[in-house]
Amino acid sequence: MAKAKAKPKTRAKAKPRARAKPRAEAAEASKAEPPHLTLSSLRPPRGSHRARIRKGRGPGSGIGKTAGRGGKGQTARQGGKVRPGFEGGQMPLIRRIPKRGFTNPFKQPAQVVNVRHLGQLAEGVEVTPETLFGAGLVRRPDRPVKLLGMGDVQRKFSVKGVTVSASARSKIEQAGGTIAS
């Protein structure tokens, strides 16, 4: 059986482009009044609303018979899911790995404040968890607070009821401040 020879491709002539409107006509078209809007004439944009998918309504719907659930078995059933971490009856990974140590569920990590932010406090104010909370530097005044040494200290501060790092302690004391334990 002989193959038919392919015809050589010829370039089609390009259609002449439509001429652009003169600027005066374009300006008039943009100034044209928009159509009168009423509640009865409002329509959603084209393509913004799509029809609801009706699962299991026959082969013509494209998602009939199994309704997208695949074949038989547990996952094809209503409510046929397994809990997170379930591995089909095999010993789950969380139970296979060794357990070590202890995590204190009541631990409260310290809220950190750098000494550069102490400049937001008023002159001569004692640095306590309550004053830091009032200035918006910590979230909770009843949780532990720790001062860290990032930045410079320009004024003297009296620190009370706050844990202080070694670098923050030296900067506060160099500026003439005091730290009460």
C-alpha atoms as a PDB file:
ATOM      1  CA  MET A   1       0.000   0.000   0.000  1.00  0.00           C
ATOM      2  CA  ALA A   2       1.586   3.233  -1.129  1.00  0.00           C
ATOM      3  CA  LYS A   3       1.484   6.343   0.990  1.00  0.00           C
ATOM      4  CA  ALA A   4      -0.038   9.447  -0.474  1.00  0.00           C
ATOM      5  CA  LYS A   5       2.440  12.238  -0.966  1.00  0.00           C
ATOM      6  CA  ALA A   6       1.991  15.203   1.310  1.00  0.00           C
ATOM      7  CA  LYS A   7       1.328  18.490  -0.378  1.00  0.00           C
ATOM      8  CA  PRO A   8       3.986  21.126   0.158  1.00  0.00           C
ATOM      9  CA  LYS A   9       2.841  23.755   2.629  1.00  0.00           C
ATOM     10  CA  THR A  10       2.145  27.139   1.164  1.00  0.00           C
ATOM     11  CA  ARG A  11       2.042  30.316   3.166  1.00  0.00           C
ATOM     12  CA  ALA A  12      -1.416  31.754   3.486  1.00  0.00           C
ATOM     13  CA  LYS A  13      -1.724  35.431   2.827  1.00  0.00           C
ATOM     14  CA  ALA A  14      -2.120  37.473   5.962  1.00  0.00           C
ATOM     15  CA  LYS A  15      -5.425  39.278   6.298  1.00  0.00           C
ATOM     16  CA  PRO A  16      -5.183  43.027   6.280  1.00  0.00           C
ATOM     17  CA  ARG A  17      -5.468  44.366   9.810  1.00  0.00           C
ATOM     18  CA  ALA A  18      -8.442  46.450  10.788  1.00  0.00           C
ATOM     19  CA  ARG A  19      -7.510  50.071  11.049  1.00  0.00           C
ATOM     20  CA  ALA A  20      -7.564  51.619  14.473  1.00  0.00           C
ATOM     21  CA  LYS A  21     -10.230  54.223  15.195  1.00  0.00           C
ATOM     22  CA  PRO A  22      -9.042  57.778  15.137  1.00  0.00           C
ATOM     23  CA  ARG A  23      -8.475  59.228  18.607  1.00  0.00           C
ATOM     24  CA  ALA A  24     -11.515  61.491  18.436  1.00  0.00           C
ATOM     25  CA  GLU A  25     -13.869  58.557  17.779  1.00  0.00           C
ATOM     26  CA  ALA A  26     -12.252  56.505  20.555  1.00  0.00           C
ATOM     27  CA  ALA A  27     -12.745  59.351  23.033  1.00  0.00           C
ATOM     28  CA  GLU A  28     -16.441  59.632  22.075  1.00  0.00           C
ATOM     29  CA  ALA A  29     -16.928  55.873  22.536  1.00  0.00           C
ATOM     30  CA  SER A  30     -15.418  56.017  26.039  1.00  0.00           C
ATOM     31  CA  LYS A  31     -17.692  58.938  26.984  1.00  0.00           C
ATOM     32  CA  ALA A  32     -20.787  56.961  25.980  1.00  0.00           C
ATOM     33  CA  GLU A  33     -23.312  56.568  28.767  1.00  0.00           C
ATOM     34  CA  PRO A  34     -23.356  53.181  30.520  1.00  0.00           C
ATOM     35  CA  PRO A  35     -26.587  51.201  30.247  1.00  0.00           C
ATOM     36  CA  HIS A  36     -29.280  52.028  32.808  1.00  0.00           C
ATOM     37  CA  LEU A  37     -28.859  49.735  35.844  1.00  0.00           C
ATOM     38  CA  THR A  38     -31.843  48.280  37.652  1.00  0.00           C
ATOM     39  CA  LEU A  39     -32.151  45.341  40.012  1.00  0.00           C
ATOM     40  CA  SER A  40     -33.791  43.306  37.274  1.00  0.00           C
ATOM     41  CA  SER A  41     -30.928  43.969  34.841  1.00  0.00           C
ATOM     42  CA  LEU A  42     -28.113  42.892  37.201  1.00  0.00           C
ATOM     43  CA  ARG A  43     -26.329  39.739  36.083  1.00  0.00           C
ATOM     44  CA  PRO A  44     -23.265  37.952  37.519  1.00  0.00           C
ATOM     45  CA  PRO A  45     -20.113  37.985  35.371  1.00  0.00           C
ATOM     46  CA  ARG A  46     -19.932  35.276  32.739  1.00  0.00           C
ATOM     47  CA  GLY A  47     -18.318  32.088  34.053  1.00  0.00           C
ATOM     48  CA  SER A  48     -18.556  33.077  37.720  1.00  0.00           C
ATOM     49  CA  HIS A  49     -21.300  30.566  38.534  1.00  0.00           C
ATOM     50  CA  ARG A  50     -21.056  26.924  37.613  1.00  0.00           C
ATOM     51  CA  ALA A  51     -23.702  24.247  37.901  1.00  0.00           C
ATOM     52  CA  ARG A  52     -23.579  21.963  40.976  1.00  0.00           C
ATOM     53  CA  ILE A  53     -22.067  18.533  40.297  1.00  0.00           C
ATOM     54  CA  ARG A  54     -24.795  15.903  40.705  1.00  0.00           C
ATOM     55  CA  LYS A  55     -22.924  12.728  41.608  1.00  0.00           C
ATOM     56  CA  GLY A  56     -24.292   9.266  40.895  1.00  0.00           C
ATOM     57  CA  ARG A  57     -26.941  10.340  38.377  1.00  0.00           C
ATOM     58  CA  GLY A  58     -26.135   7.969  35.521  1.00  0.00           C
ATOM     59  CA  PRO A  59     -23.429   7.589  32.897  1.00  0.00           C
ATOM     60  CA  GLY A  60     -24.439  10.731  31.053  1.00  0.00           C
ATOM     61  CA  SER A  61     -23.447  12.918  33.974  1.00  0.00           C
ATOM     62  CA  GLY A  62     -19.792  11.906  33.703  1.00  0.00           C
ATOM     63  CA  ILE A  63     -19.656  11.084  37.403  1.00  0.00           C
ATOM     64  CA  GLY A  64     -22.329   8.389  37.670  1.00  0.00           C
ATOM     65  CA  LYS A  65     -22.216   4.779  38.945  1.00  0.00           C
ATOM     66  CA  THR A  66     -19.497   4.951  41.644  1.00  0.00           C
ATOM     67  CA  ALA A  67     -19.818   8.763  41.962  1.00  0.00           C
ATOM     68  CA  GLY A  68     -16.056   9.306  42.071  1.00  0.00           C
ATOM     69  CA  ARG A  69     -15.493   6.805  44.905  1.00  0.00           C
ATOM     70  CA  GLY A  70     -13.711   4.177  42.821  1.00  0.00           C
ATOM     71  CA  GLY A  71     -14.394   0.479  43.328  1.00  0.00           C
ATOM     72  CA  LYS A  72     -15.653  -1.532  46.272  1.00  0.00           C
ATOM     73  CA  GLY A  73     -14.406  -1.624  49.819  1.00  0.00           C
ATOM     74  CA  GLN A  74     -14.290   0.490  52.939  1.00  0.00           C
ATOM     75  CA  THR A  75     -13.410   3.755  51.217  1.00  0.00           C
ATOM     76  CA  ALA A  76     -16.361   3.402  48.836  1.00  0.00           C
ATOM     77  CA  ARG A  77     -18.767   3.301  51.776  1.00  0.00           C
ATOM     78  CA  GLN A  78     -20.363   6.246  53.499  1.00  0.00           C
ATOM     79  CA  GLY A  79     -18.209   7.250  56.475  1.00  0.00           C
ATOM     80  CA  GLY A  80     -15.528   4.821  55.279  1.00  0.00           C
ATOM     81  CA  LYS A  81     -12.471   6.700  56.444  1.00  0.00           C
ATOM     82  CA  VAL A  82      -9.688   5.581  58.769  1.00  0.00           C
ATOM     83  CA  ARG A  83      -8.315   7.646  61.637  1.00  0.00           C
ATOM     84  CA  PRO A  84      -5.073   9.605  61.165  1.00  0.00           C
ATOM     85  CA  GLY A  85      -2.029   7.388  61.688  1.00  0.00           C
ATOM     86  CA  PHE A  86      -3.908   4.144  60.971  1.00  0.00           C
ATOM     87  CA  GLU A  87      -1.763   1.862  58.792  1.00  0.00           C
ATOM     88  CA  GLY A  88      -4.213  -0.869  57.883  1.00  0.00           C
ATOM     89  CA  GLY A  89      -3.670  -2.900  61.033  1.00  0.00           C
ATOM     90  CA  GLN A  90       0.121  -2.779  60.873  1.00  0.00           C
ATOM     91  CA  MET A  91       1.761  -1.469  64.043  1.00  0.00           C
ATOM     92  CA  PRO A  92       1.712   2.310  63.490  1.00  0.00           C
ATOM     93  CA  LEU A  93       4.954   4.266  63.286  1.00  0.00           C
ATOM     94  CA  ILE A  94       4.162   6.266  66.424  1.00  0.00           C
ATOM     95  CA  ARG A  95       4.008   3.013  68.404  1.00  0.00           C
ATOM     96  CA  ARG A  96       7.061   1.431  66.716  1.00  0.00           C
ATOM     97  CA  ILE A  97       9.598   4.115  67.553  1.00  0.00           C
ATOM     98  CA  PRO A  98      11.181   4.198  71.033  1.00  0.00           C
ATOM     99  CA  LYS A  99      10.005   6.769  73.524  1.00  0.00           C
ATOM    100  CA  ARG A 100      12.508   8.685  75.644  1.00  0.00           C
ATOM    101  CA  GLY A 101      12.432  11.597  78.017  1.00  0.00           C
ATOM    102  CA  PHE A 102       9.677  13.754  79.360  1.00  0.00           C
ATOM    103  CA  THR A 103       8.029  16.928  78.121  1.00  0.00           C
ATOM    104  CA  ASN A 104       6.510  19.103  80.782  1.00  0.00           C
ATOM    105  CA  PRO A 105       3.043  20.081  79.505  1.00  0.00           C
ATOM    106  CA  PHE A 106       2.905  23.004  81.964  1.00  0.00           C
ATOM    107  CA  LYS A 107       6.165  24.677  80.890  1.00  0.00           C
ATOM    108  CA  GLN A 108       5.797  28.383  80.190  1.00  0.00           C
ATOM    109  CA  PRO A 109       8.567  29.643  77.890  1.00  0.00           C
ATOM    110  CA  ALA A 110       9.849  33.127  78.703  1.00  0.00           C
ATOM    111  CA  GLN A 111       8.634  36.112  76.733  1.00  0.00           C
ATOM    112  CA  VAL A 112      11.743  37.831  75.395  1.00  0.00           C
ATOM    113  CA  VAL A 113      12.319  41.594  75.236  1.00  0.00           C
ATOM    114  CA  ASN A 114      15.532  43.123  73.871  1.00  0.00           C
ATOM    115  CA  VAL A 115      17.089  46.069  75.714  1.00  0.00           C
ATOM    116  CA  ARG A 116      16.780  48.238  72.595  1.00  0.00           C
ATOM    117  CA  HIS A 117      12.984  48.244  73.148  1.00  0.00           C
ATOM    118  CA  LEU A 118      13.295  49.655  76.672  1.00  0.00           C
ATOM    119  CA  GLY A 119      13.535  53.110  75.087  1.00  0.00           C
ATOM    120  CA  GLN A 120       9.754  52.936  74.545  1.00  0.00           C
ATOM    121  CA  LEU A 121       9.222  53.132  78.314  1.00  0.00           C
ATOM    122  CA  ALA A 122       8.825  56.489  80.064  1.00  0.00           C
ATOM    123  CA  GLU A 123      11.769  58.082  81.875  1.00  0.00           C
ATOM    124  CA  GLY A 124      12.293  56.754  85.416  1.00  0.00           C
ATOM    125  CA  VAL A 125       9.760  53.908  85.120  1.00  0.00           C
ATOM    126  CA  GLU A 126      10.617  50.668  86.898  1.00  0.00           C
ATOM    127  CA  VAL A 127      10.931  47.770  84.420  1.00  0.00           C
ATOM    128  CA  THR A 128       8.483  45.089  85.606  1.00  0.00           C
ATOM    129  CA  PRO A 129       6.308  42.607  83.689  1.00  0.00           C
ATOM    130  CA  GLU A 130       3.340  44.935  84.239  1.00  0.00           C
ATOM    131  CA  THR A 131       5.077  48.011  82.763  1.00  0.00           C
ATOM    132  CA  LEU A 132       6.330  45.950  79.803  1.00  0.00           C
ATOM    133  CA  PHE A 133       2.768  44.718  79.251  1.00  0.00           C
ATOM    134  CA  GLY A 134       1.460  48.279  79.430  1.00  0.00           C
ATOM    135  CA  ALA A 135       3.966  49.344  76.754  1.00  0.00           C
ATOM    136  CA  GLY A 136       2.897  46.428  74.521  1.00  0.00           C
ATOM    137  CA  LEU A 137       6.283  44.664  74.699  1.00  0.00           C
ATOM    138  CA  VAL A 138       4.914  41.399  76.174  1.00  0.00           C
ATOM    139  CA  ARG A 139       1.599  39.639  75.677  1.00  0.00           C
ATOM    140  CA  ARG A 140       0.934  38.424  79.225  1.00  0.00           C
ATOM    141  CA  PRO A 141       2.136  40.076  82.447  1.00  0.00           C
ATOM    142  CA  ASP A 142       1.589  36.848  84.421  1.00  0.00           C
ATOM    143  CA  ARG A 143       4.075  34.804  82.347  1.00  0.00           C
ATOM    144  CA  PRO A 144       7.881  34.852  82.776  1.00  0.00           C
ATOM    145  CA  VAL A 145       9.795  37.662  80.999  1.00  0.00           C
ATOM    146  CA  LYS A 146      13.484  37.703  80.036  1.00  0.00           C
ATOM    147  CA  LEU A 147      15.536  40.715  78.951  1.00  0.00           C
ATOM    148  CA  LEU A 148      18.078  39.998  76.198  1.00  0.00           C
ATOM    149  CA  GLY A 149      21.045  42.183  75.290  1.00  0.00           C
ATOM    150  CA  MET A 150      20.397  43.083  71.654  1.00  0.00           C
ATOM    151  CA  GLY A 151      20.722  46.812  71.103  1.00  0.00           C
ATOM    152  CA  ASP A 152      21.948  49.720  73.217  1.00  0.00           C
ATOM    153  CA  VAL A 153      20.677  51.265  76.445  1.00  0.00           C
ATOM    154  CA  GLN A 154      20.566  55.089  76.528  1.00  0.00           C
ATOM    155  CA  ARG A 155      18.974  55.685  79.971  1.00  0.00           C
ATOM    156  CA  LYS A 156      19.121  54.202  83.462  1.00  0.00           C
ATOM    157  CA  PHE A 157      16.536  51.582  84.255  1.00  0.00           C
ATOM    158  CA  SER A 158      15.541  49.878  87.478  1.00  0.00           C
ATOM    159  CA  VAL A 159      14.685  46.261  86.590  1.00  0.00           C
ATOM    160  CA  LYS A 160      12.548  44.231  88.974  1.00  0.00           C
ATOM    161  CA  GLY A 161      10.846  40.827  88.628  1.00  0.00           C
ATOM    162  CA  VAL A 162      12.370  40.106  85.215  1.00  0.00           C
ATOM    163  CA  THR A 163      15.057  37.560  84.278  1.00  0.00           C
ATOM    164  CA  VAL A 164      18.083  39.229  82.629  1.00  0.00           C
ATOM    165  CA  SER A 165      20.747  37.707  80.366  1.00  0.00           C
ATOM    166  CA  ALA A 166      24.434  38.356  81.051  1.00  0.00           C
ATOM    167  CA  SER A 167      24.847  40.748  78.086  1.00  0.00           C
ATOM    168  CA  ALA A 168      21.698  42.691  79.017  1.00  0.00           C
ATOM    169  CA  ARG A 169      22.874  42.887  82.650  1.00  0.00           C
ATOM    170  CA  SER A 170      26.223  44.406  81.633  1.00  0.00           C
ATOM    171  CA  LYS A 171      24.581  46.967  79.287  1.00  0.00           C
ATOM    172  CA  ILE A 172      22.032  48.068  81.893  1.00  0.00           C
ATOM    173  CA  GLU A 173      24.692  48.400  84.597  1.00  0.00           C
ATOM    174  CA  GLN A 174      27.025  50.344  82.251  1.00  0.00           C
ATOM    175  CA  ALA A 175      24.192  52.809  81.633  1.00  0.00           C
ATOM    176  CA  GLY A 176      23.857  53.250  85.421  1.00  0.00           C
ATOM    177  CA  GLY A 177      20.768  51.084  85.922  1.00  0.00           C
ATOM    178  CA  THR A 178      20.053  48.613  88.713  1.00  0.00           C
ATOM    179  CA  ILE A 179      18.792  45.039  88.603  1.00  0.00           C
ATOM    180  CA  ALA A 180      16.903  43.619  91.582  1.00  0.00           C
ATOM    181  CA  SER A 181      16.509  39.847  91.685  1.00  0.00           C
END
